[in-house]
PDB file of N, CA and C in Angstrom:
ATOM      1  N   UNK A   1       2.179  22.558 -21.724  1.00  0.00           N
ATOM      2  CA  UNK A   1       1.915  21.254 -21.151  1.00  0.00           C
ATOM      3  C   UNK A   1       0.607  20.695 -21.758  1.00  0.00           C
ATOM      4  N   UNK A   2       0.724  19.484 -22.252  1.00  0.00           N
ATOM      5  CA  UNK A   2      -0.451  18.831 -22.864  1.00  0.00           C
ATOM      6  C   UNK A   2      -1.071  17.913 -21.857  1.00  0.00           C
ATOM      7  N   UNK A   3      -2.376  17.661 -22.076  1.00  0.00           N
ATOM      8  CA  UNK A   3      -3.126  16.712 -21.261  1.00  0.00           C
ATOM      9  C   UNK A   3      -3.249  15.425 -22.094  1.00  0.00           C
ATOM     10  N   UNK A   4      -2.692  14.351 -21.574  1.00  0.00           N
ATOM     11  CA  UNK A   4      -2.614  13.078 -22.330  1.00  0.00           C
ATOM     12  C   UNK A   4      -3.270  11.972 -21.574  1.00  0.00           C
ATOM     13  N   UNK A   5      -4.016  11.154 -22.281  1.00  0.00           N
ATOM     14  CA  UNK A   5      -4.630   9.909 -21.718  1.00  0.00           C
ATOM     15  C   UNK A   5      -3.944   8.759 -22.386  1.00  0.00           C
ATOM     16  N   UNK A   6      -3.567   7.783 -21.504  1.00  0.00           N
ATOM     17  CA  UNK A   6      -2.991   6.548 -22.015  1.00  0.00           C
ATOM     18  C   UNK A   6      -4.040   5.437 -21.707  1.00  0.00           C
ATOM     19  N   UNK A   7      -4.453   4.743 -22.770  1.00  0.00           N
ATOM     20  CA  UNK A   7      -5.470   3.669 -22.620  1.00  0.00           C
ATOM     21  C   UNK A   7      -4.707   2.315 -22.598  1.00  0.00           C
ATOM     22  N   UNK A   8      -4.890   1.538 -21.578  1.00  0.00           N
ATOM     23  CA  UNK A   8      -4.161   0.283 -21.373  1.00  0.00           C
ATOM     24  C   UNK A   8      -5.099  -0.897 -21.685  1.00  0.00           C
ATOM     25  N   UNK A   9      -4.680  -1.701 -22.669  1.00  0.00           N
ATOM     26  CA  UNK A   9      -5.412  -2.952 -22.963  1.00  0.00           C
ATOM     27  C   UNK A   9      -4.391  -4.114 -23.074  1.00  0.00           C
ATOM     28  N   UNK A  10      -3.829  -4.257 -24.260  1.00  0.00           N
ATOM     29  CA  UNK A  10      -2.992  -5.442 -24.526  1.00  0.00           C
ATOM     30  C   UNK A  10      -1.551  -5.313 -24.050  1.00  0.00           C
ATOM     31  N   UNK A  11      -0.913  -4.269 -24.404  1.00  0.00           N
ATOM     32  CA  UNK A  11       0.526  -4.094 -24.086  1.00  0.00           C
ATOM     33  C   UNK A  11       0.674  -3.336 -22.763  1.00  0.00           C
ATOM     34  N   UNK A  12       0.277  -3.998 -21.689  1.00  0.00           N
ATOM     35  CA  UNK A  12       0.165  -3.341 -20.384  1.00  0.00           C
ATOM     36  C   UNK A  12       1.481  -2.727 -19.855  1.00  0.00           C
ATOM     37  N   UNK A  13       2.518  -3.446 -19.830  1.00  0.00           N
ATOM     38  CA  UNK A  13       3.771  -2.980 -19.324  1.00  0.00           C
ATOM     39  C   UNK A  13       4.265  -1.788 -20.126  1.00  0.00           C
ATOM     40  N   UNK A  14       4.204  -1.895 -21.453  1.00  0.00           N
ATOM     41  CA  UNK A  14       4.675  -0.809 -22.311  1.00  0.00           C
ATOM     42  C   UNK A  14       3.782   0.444 -22.071  1.00  0.00           C
ATOM     43  N   UNK A  15       2.490   0.274 -21.959  1.00  0.00           N
ATOM     44  CA  UNK A  15       1.613   1.413 -21.758  1.00  0.00           C
ATOM     45  C   UNK A  15       1.858   2.106 -20.413  1.00  0.00           C
ATOM     46  N   UNK A  16       2.078   1.363 -19.385  1.00  0.00           N
ATOM     47  CA  UNK A  16       2.375   1.999 -18.076  1.00  0.00           C
ATOM     48  C   UNK A  16       3.734   2.738 -18.150  1.00  0.00           C
ATOM     49  N   UNK A  17       4.739   2.125 -18.773  1.00  0.00           N
ATOM     50  CA  UNK A  17       6.035   2.733 -18.914  1.00  0.00           C
ATOM     51  C   UNK A  17       5.894   4.033 -19.714  1.00  0.00           C
ATOM     52  N   UNK A  18       5.156   4.039 -20.770  1.00  0.00           N
ATOM     53  CA  UNK A  18       4.958   5.187 -21.622  1.00  0.00           C
ATOM     54  C   UNK A  18       4.287   6.346 -20.798  1.00  0.00           C
ATOM     55  N   UNK A  19       3.271   5.930 -19.980  1.00  0.00           N
ATOM     56  CA  UNK A  19       2.556   6.942 -19.135  1.00  0.00           C
ATOM     57  C   UNK A  19       3.497   7.616 -18.173  1.00  0.00           C
ATOM     58  N   UNK A  20       4.390   6.848 -17.566  1.00  0.00           N
ATOM     59  CA  UNK A  20       5.384   7.422 -16.630  1.00  0.00           C
ATOM     60  C   UNK A  20       6.308   8.324 -17.398  1.00  0.00           C
ATOM     61  N   UNK A  21       6.802   7.906 -18.507  1.00  0.00           N
ATOM     62  CA  UNK A  21       7.726   8.730 -19.315  1.00  0.00           C
ATOM     63  C   UNK A  21       7.129  10.025 -19.780  1.00  0.00           C
ATOM     64  N   UNK A  22       5.898   9.967 -20.267  1.00  0.00           N
ATOM     65  CA  UNK A  22       5.221  11.203 -20.759  1.00  0.00           C
ATOM     66  C   UNK A  22       4.907  12.194 -19.646  1.00  0.00           C
ATOM     67  N   UNK A  23       4.879  11.721 -18.424  1.00  0.00           N
ATOM     68  CA  UNK A  23       4.502  12.622 -17.342  1.00  0.00           C
ATOM     69  C   UNK A  23       5.555  13.662 -17.021  1.00  0.00           C
ATOM     70  N   UNK A  24       6.736  13.517 -17.539  1.00  0.00           N
ATOM     71  CA  UNK A  24       7.842  14.461 -17.265  1.00  0.00           C
ATOM     72  C   UNK A  24       7.442  15.879 -17.721  1.00  0.00           C
ATOM     73  N   UNK A  25       6.851  16.030 -18.866  1.00  0.00           N
ATOM     74  CA  UNK A  25       6.499  17.328 -19.372  1.00  0.00           C
ATOM     75  C   UNK A  25       5.008  17.529 -19.625  1.00  0.00           C
ATOM     76  N   UNK A  26       4.215  16.579 -19.211  1.00  0.00           N
ATOM     77  CA  UNK A  26       2.768  16.613 -19.522  1.00  0.00           C
ATOM     78  C   UNK A  26       1.928  16.176 -18.316  1.00  0.00           C
ATOM     79  N   UNK A  27       0.671  16.484 -18.400  1.00  0.00           N
ATOM     80  CA  UNK A  27      -0.305  15.994 -17.437  1.00  0.00           C
ATOM     81  C   UNK A  27      -0.906  14.681 -17.990  1.00  0.00           C
ATOM     82  N   UNK A  28      -0.649  13.551 -17.345  1.00  0.00           N
ATOM     83  CA  UNK A  28      -0.980  12.269 -17.876  1.00  0.00           C
ATOM     84  C   UNK A  28      -1.953  11.545 -16.929  1.00  0.00           C
ATOM     85  N   UNK A  29      -2.978  10.906 -17.489  1.00  0.00           N
ATOM     86  CA  UNK A  29      -3.867  10.047 -16.778  1.00  0.00           C
ATOM     87  C   UNK A  29      -3.881   8.707 -17.507  1.00  0.00           C
ATOM     88  N   UNK A  30      -3.924   7.587 -16.763  1.00  0.00           N
ATOM     89  CA  UNK A  30      -3.842   6.242 -17.313  1.00  0.00           C
ATOM     90  C   UNK A  30      -5.150   5.510 -17.048  1.00  0.00           C
ATOM     91  N   UNK A  31      -5.754   4.899 -18.054  1.00  0.00           N
ATOM     92  CA  UNK A  31      -7.051   4.220 -17.986  1.00  0.00           C
ATOM     93  C   UNK A  31      -6.819   2.749 -18.350  1.00  0.00           C
ATOM     94  N   UNK A  32      -7.140   1.847 -17.452  1.00  0.00           N
ATOM     95  CA  UNK A  32      -7.031   0.432 -17.694  1.00  0.00           C
ATOM     96  C   UNK A  32      -8.415  -0.106 -18.091  1.00  0.00           C
ATOM     97  N   UNK A  33      -8.540  -0.624 -19.281  1.00  0.00           N
ATOM     98  CA  UNK A  33      -9.836  -1.024 -19.863  1.00  0.00           C
ATOM     99  C   UNK A  33      -9.988  -2.544 -19.882  1.00  0.00           C
ATOM    100  N   UNK A  34     -11.136  -2.973 -19.432  1.00  0.00           N
ATOM    101  CA  UNK A  34     -11.715  -4.290 -19.649  1.00  0.00           C
ATOM    102  C   UNK A  34     -10.916  -5.509 -19.232  1.00  0.00           C
ATOM    103  N   UNK A  35      -9.843  -5.341 -18.460  1.00  0.00           N
ATOM    104  CA  UNK A  35      -9.112  -6.522 -18.008  1.00  0.00           C
ATOM    105  C   UNK A  35      -8.300  -6.184 -16.788  1.00  0.00           C
ATOM    106  N   UNK A  36      -7.823  -7.223 -16.163  1.00  0.00           N
ATOM    107  CA  UNK A  36      -7.007  -7.105 -14.982  1.00  0.00           C
ATOM    108  C   UNK A  36      -5.571  -6.951 -15.419  1.00  0.00           C
ATOM    109  N   UNK A  37      -4.819  -6.115 -14.640  1.00  0.00           N
ATOM    110  CA  UNK A  37      -3.413  -5.981 -14.921  1.00  0.00           C
ATOM    111  C   UNK A  37      -2.728  -7.282 -14.634  1.00  0.00           C
ATOM    112  N   UNK A  38      -1.761  -7.641 -15.477  1.00  0.00           N
ATOM    113  CA  UNK A  38      -0.956  -8.790 -15.327  1.00  0.00           C
ATOM    114  C   UNK A  38      -0.051  -8.642 -14.095  1.00  0.00           C
ATOM    115  N   UNK A  39       0.371  -9.720 -13.458  1.00  0.00           N
ATOM    116  CA  UNK A  39       1.319  -9.693 -12.352  1.00  0.00           C
ATOM    117  C   UNK A  39       2.723  -9.874 -12.924  1.00  0.00           C
ATOM    118  N   UNK A  40       3.497  -8.844 -12.987  1.00  0.00           N
ATOM    119  CA  UNK A  40       4.886  -8.942 -13.388  1.00  0.00           C
ATOM    120  C   UNK A  40       5.688  -7.889 -12.683  1.00  0.00           C
ATOM    121  N   UNK A  41       6.995  -8.105 -12.692  1.00  0.00           N
ATOM    122  CA  UNK A  41       7.916  -7.130 -12.049  1.00  0.00           C
ATOM    123  C   UNK A  41       7.874  -5.784 -12.705  1.00  0.00           C
ATOM    124  N   UNK A  42       7.814  -5.752 -14.083  1.00  0.00           N
ATOM    125  CA  UNK A  42       7.753  -4.495 -14.815  1.00  0.00           C
ATOM    126  C   UNK A  42       6.511  -3.703 -14.457  1.00  0.00           C
ATOM    127  N   UNK A  43       5.378  -4.381 -14.414  1.00  0.00           N
ATOM    128  CA  UNK A  43       4.134  -3.735 -14.107  1.00  0.00           C
ATOM    129  C   UNK A  43       4.115  -3.204 -12.661  1.00  0.00           C
ATOM    130  N   UNK A  44       4.624  -3.996 -11.782  1.00  0.00           N
ATOM    131  CA  UNK A  44       4.680  -3.607 -10.366  1.00  0.00           C
ATOM    132  C   UNK A  44       5.600  -2.336 -10.206  1.00  0.00           C
ATOM    133  N   UNK A  45       6.739  -2.344 -10.883  1.00  0.00           N
ATOM    134  CA  UNK A  45       7.617  -1.186 -10.810  1.00  0.00           C
ATOM    135  C   UNK A  45       6.935   0.063 -11.377  1.00  0.00           C
ATOM    136  N   UNK A  46       6.272  -0.098 -12.489  1.00  0.00           N
ATOM    137  CA  UNK A  46       5.603   1.087 -13.151  1.00  0.00           C
ATOM    138  C   UNK A  46       4.444   1.562 -12.283  1.00  0.00           C
ATOM    139  N   UNK A  47       3.674   0.670 -11.651  1.00  0.00           N
ATOM    140  CA  UNK A  47       2.592   1.071 -10.768  1.00  0.00           C
ATOM    141  C   UNK A  47       3.130   1.832  -9.576  1.00  0.00           C
ATOM    142  N   UNK A  48       4.247   1.422  -9.064  1.00  0.00           N
ATOM    143  CA  UNK A  48       4.905   2.094  -7.895  1.00  0.00           C
ATOM    144  C   UNK A  48       5.258   3.534  -8.317  1.00  0.00           C
ATOM    145  N   UNK A  49       5.846   3.661  -9.497  1.00  0.00           N
ATOM    146  CA  UNK A  49       6.225   4.986 -10.028  1.00  0.00           C
ATOM    147  C   UNK A  49       5.008   5.875 -10.228  1.00  0.00           C
ATOM    148  N   UNK A  50       3.963   5.298 -10.793  1.00  0.00           N
ATOM    149  CA  UNK A  50       2.690   6.007 -11.062  1.00  0.00           C
ATOM    150  C   UNK A  50       2.124   6.556  -9.745  1.00  0.00           C
ATOM    151  N   UNK A  51       2.153   5.726  -8.713  1.00  0.00           N
ATOM    152  CA  UNK A  51       1.620   6.201  -7.405  1.00  0.00           C
ATOM    153  C   UNK A  51       2.506   7.260  -6.788  1.00  0.00           C
ATOM    154  N   UNK A  52       3.816   7.082  -6.887  1.00  0.00           N
ATOM    155  CA  UNK A  52       4.767   8.086  -6.333  1.00  0.00           C
ATOM    156  C   UNK A  52       4.627   9.402  -7.029  1.00  0.00           C
ATOM    157  N   UNK A  53       4.389   9.406  -8.340  1.00  0.00           N
ATOM    158  CA  UNK A  53       4.241  10.601  -9.127  1.00  0.00           C
ATOM    159  C   UNK A  53       2.862  11.155  -9.052  1.00  0.00           C
ATOM    160  N   UNK A  54       1.925  10.459  -8.449  1.00  0.00           N
ATOM    161  CA  UNK A  54       0.564  10.876  -8.260  1.00  0.00           C
ATOM    162  C   UNK A  54      -0.148  11.105  -9.604  1.00  0.00           C
ATOM    163  N   UNK A  55       0.097  10.199 -10.552  1.00  0.00           N
ATOM    164  CA  UNK A  55      -0.604  10.259 -11.811  1.00  0.00           C
ATOM    165  C   UNK A  55      -1.999   9.728 -11.654  1.00  0.00           C
ATOM    166  N   UNK A  56      -2.903  10.159 -12.505  1.00  0.00           N
ATOM    167  CA  UNK A  56      -4.271   9.644 -12.453  1.00  0.00           C
ATOM    168  C   UNK A  56      -4.243   8.174 -12.984  1.00  0.00           C
ATOM    169  N   UNK A  57      -4.800   7.251 -12.199  1.00  0.00           N
ATOM    170  CA  UNK A  57      -4.834   5.835 -12.581  1.00  0.00           C
ATOM    171  C   UNK A  57      -6.237   5.330 -12.353  1.00  0.00           C
ATOM    172  N   UNK A  58      -6.934   4.931 -13.421  1.00  0.00           N
ATOM    173  CA  UNK A  58      -8.348   4.573 -13.340  1.00  0.00           C
ATOM    174  C   UNK A  58      -8.625   3.257 -14.092  1.00  0.00           C
ATOM    175  N   UNK A  59      -9.734   2.609 -13.795  1.00  0.00           N
ATOM    176  CA  UNK A  59     -10.162   1.394 -14.440  1.00  0.00           C
ATOM    177  C   UNK A  59     -11.661   1.343 -14.581  1.00  0.00           C
ATOM    178  N   UNK A  60     -12.100   0.615 -15.634  1.00  0.00           N
ATOM    179  CA  UNK A  60     -13.560   0.469 -15.844  1.00  0.00           C
ATOM    180  C   UNK A  60     -14.050  -0.906 -15.382  1.00  0.00           C
ATOM    181  N   UNK A  61     -13.194  -1.617 -14.624  1.00  0.00           N
ATOM    182  CA  UNK A  61     -13.567  -2.954 -14.141  1.00  0.00           C
ATOM    183  C   UNK A  61     -13.153  -3.103 -12.673  1.00  0.00           C
ATOM    184  N   UNK A  62     -13.904  -3.869 -11.957  1.00  0.00           N
ATOM    185  CA  UNK A  62     -13.667  -4.098 -10.553  1.00  0.00           C
ATOM    186  C   UNK A  62     -12.490  -5.120 -10.358  1.00  0.00           C
ATOM    187  N   UNK A  63     -11.948  -5.632 -11.414  1.00  0.00           N
ATOM    188  CA  UNK A  63     -10.884  -6.641 -11.318  1.00  0.00           C
ATOM    189  C   UNK A  63      -9.568  -6.082 -10.785  1.00  0.00           C
ATOM    190  N   UNK A  64      -9.376  -4.758 -10.943  1.00  0.00           N
ATOM    191  CA  UNK A  64      -8.139  -4.116 -10.568  1.00  0.00           C
ATOM    192  C   UNK A  64      -8.276  -3.456  -9.169  1.00  0.00           C
ATOM    193  N   UNK A  65      -7.957  -4.198  -8.152  1.00  0.00           N
ATOM    194  CA  UNK A  65      -8.115  -3.739  -6.773  1.00  0.00           C
ATOM    195  C   UNK A  65      -7.063  -2.618  -6.546  1.00  0.00           C
ATOM    196  N   UNK A  66      -7.509  -1.606  -5.785  1.00  0.00           N
ATOM    197  CA  UNK A  66      -6.612  -0.522  -5.435  1.00  0.00           C
ATOM    198  C   UNK A  66      -6.512   0.558  -6.505  1.00  0.00           C
ATOM    199  N   UNK A  67      -7.233   0.422  -7.593  1.00  0.00           N
ATOM    200  CA  UNK A  67      -7.271   1.408  -8.667  1.00  0.00           C
ATOM    201  C   UNK A  67      -8.637   2.017  -8.741  1.00  0.00           C
ATOM    202  N   UNK A  68      -8.735   3.297  -8.831  1.00  0.00           N
ATOM    203  CA  UNK A  68     -10.038   3.960  -8.813  1.00  0.00           C
ATOM    204  C   UNK A  68     -10.933   3.506 -10.023  1.00  0.00           C
ATOM    205  N   UNK A  69     -12.139   3.019  -9.653  1.00  0.00           N
ATOM    206  CA  UNK A  69     -13.097   2.573 -10.654  1.00  0.00           C
ATOM    207  C   UNK A  69     -13.910   3.773 -11.169  1.00  0.00           C
ATOM    208  N   UNK A  70     -14.028   3.840 -12.504  1.00  0.00           N
ATOM    209  CA  UNK A  70     -14.895   4.824 -13.174  1.00  0.00           C
ATOM    210  C   UNK A  70     -15.633   4.064 -14.252  1.00  0.00           C
ATOM    211  N   UNK A  71     -16.980   4.196 -14.337  1.00  0.00           N
ATOM    212  CA  UNK A  71     -17.745   3.525 -15.401  1.00  0.00           C
ATOM    213  C   UNK A  71     -17.286   3.973 -16.811  1.00  0.00           C
ATOM    214  N   UNK A  72     -17.344   3.078 -17.752  1.00  0.00           N
ATOM    215  CA  UNK A  72     -16.949   3.352 -19.086  1.00  0.00           C
ATOM    216  C   UNK A  72     -17.562   4.586 -19.696  1.00  0.00           C
ATOM    217  N   UNK A  73     -18.840   4.865 -19.419  1.00  0.00           N
ATOM    218  CA  UNK A  73     -19.514   6.046 -19.940  1.00  0.00           C
ATOM    219  C   UNK A  73     -18.886   7.338 -19.414  1.00  0.00           C
ATOM    220  N   UNK A  74     -18.451   7.333 -18.143  1.00  0.00           N
ATOM    221  CA  UNK A  74     -17.809   8.515 -17.569  1.00  0.00           C
ATOM    222  C   UNK A  74     -16.417   8.668 -18.097  1.00  0.00           C
ATOM    223  N   UNK A  75     -15.699   7.583 -18.365  1.00  0.00           N
ATOM    224  CA  UNK A  75     -14.365   7.658 -18.998  1.00  0.00           C
ATOM    225  C   UNK A  75     -14.500   8.290 -20.388  1.00  0.00           C
ATOM    226  N   UNK A  76     -15.529   7.836 -21.127  1.00  0.00           N
ATOM    227  CA  UNK A  76     -15.744   8.363 -22.496  1.00  0.00           C
ATOM    228  C   UNK A  76     -15.918   9.890 -22.439  1.00  0.00           C
ATOM    229  N   UNK A  77     -16.657  10.382 -21.464  1.00  0.00           N
ATOM    230  CA  UNK A  77     -16.835  11.851 -21.359  1.00  0.00           C
ATOM    231  C   UNK A  77     -15.524  12.570 -20.996  1.00  0.00           C
ATOM    232  N   UNK A  78     -14.761  11.933 -20.086  1.00  0.00           N
ATOM    233  CA  UNK A  78     -13.467  12.517 -19.762  1.00  0.00           C
ATOM    234  C   UNK A  78     -12.480  12.579 -20.911  1.00  0.00           C
ATOM    235  N   UNK A  79     -12.483  11.593 -21.779  1.00  0.00           N
ATOM    236  CA  UNK A  79     -11.556  11.549 -22.910  1.00  0.00           C
ATOM    237  C   UNK A  79     -11.697  12.739 -23.832  1.00  0.00           C
ATOM    238  N   UNK A  80     -12.824  13.412 -23.854  1.00  0.00           N
ATOM    239  CA  UNK A  80     -13.049  14.576 -24.688  1.00  0.00           C
ATOM    240  C   UNK A  80     -12.144  15.746 -24.239  1.00  0.00           C
ATOM    241  N   UNK A  81     -11.665  15.727 -23.004  1.00  0.00           N
ATOM    242  CA  UNK A  81     -10.899  16.809 -22.419  1.00  0.00           C
ATOM    243  C   UNK A  81      -9.386  16.700 -22.780  1.00  0.00           C
ATOM    244  N   UNK A  82      -8.943  15.609 -23.356  1.00  0.00           N
ATOM    245  CA  UNK A  82      -7.524  15.406 -23.541  1.00  0.00           C
ATOM    246  C   UNK A  82      -7.042  15.927 -24.876  1.00  0.00           C
ATOM    247  N   UNK A  83      -5.796  16.412 -24.914  1.00  0.00           N
ATOM    248  CA  UNK A  83      -5.160  16.835 -26.184  1.00  0.00           C
ATOM    249  C   UNK A  83      -4.745  15.631 -27.022  1.00  0.00           C
ATOM    250  N   UNK A  84      -4.257  14.581 -26.363  1.00  0.00           N
ATOM    251  CA  UNK A  84      -3.846  13.366 -27.041  1.00  0.00           C
ATOM    252  C   UNK A  84      -4.327  12.149 -26.286  1.00  0.00           C
ATOM    253  N   UNK A  85      -4.683  11.082 -27.025  1.00  0.00           N
ATOM    254  CA  UNK A  85      -5.059   9.817 -26.432  1.00  0.00           C
ATOM    255  C   UNK A  85      -4.196   8.745 -27.087  1.00  0.00           C
ATOM    256  N   UNK A  86      -3.510   7.982 -26.242  1.00  0.00           N
ATOM    257  CA  UNK A  86      -2.606   6.915 -26.748  1.00  0.00           C
ATOM    258  C   UNK A  86      -3.154   5.563 -26.370  1.00  0.00           C
ATOM    259  N   UNK A  87      -3.648   4.801 -27.336  1.00  0.00           N
ATOM    260  CA  UNK A  87      -4.142   3.415 -27.038  1.00  0.00           C
ATOM    261  C   UNK A  87      -3.011   2.395 -27.088  1.00  0.00           C
ATOM    262  N   UNK A  88      -2.993   1.489 -26.156  1.00  0.00           N
ATOM    263  CA  UNK A  88      -2.043   0.400 -26.136  1.00  0.00           C
ATOM    264  C   UNK A  88      -2.788  -0.922 -25.984  1.00  0.00           C
TER     265      UNK A  88
END
């Protein structure tokens, strides 16, 4: 089992979907960087799956209500612990 971080920026829906898919055989955490998640049906569905599967979901901005805030410096330190990092 690998430890994977998914970094969400531009392709938000695709990144969340990928995080959910990778969680089948891996330990996955998802980090939303520098922006608010868009409001769409796809994103809402993926967020629901992420919460049901109890994946790690974090953000470095207060714009994303209901998602655990972690300062960018702390996220950078955490990223050193992952086997793979997937930026979107």
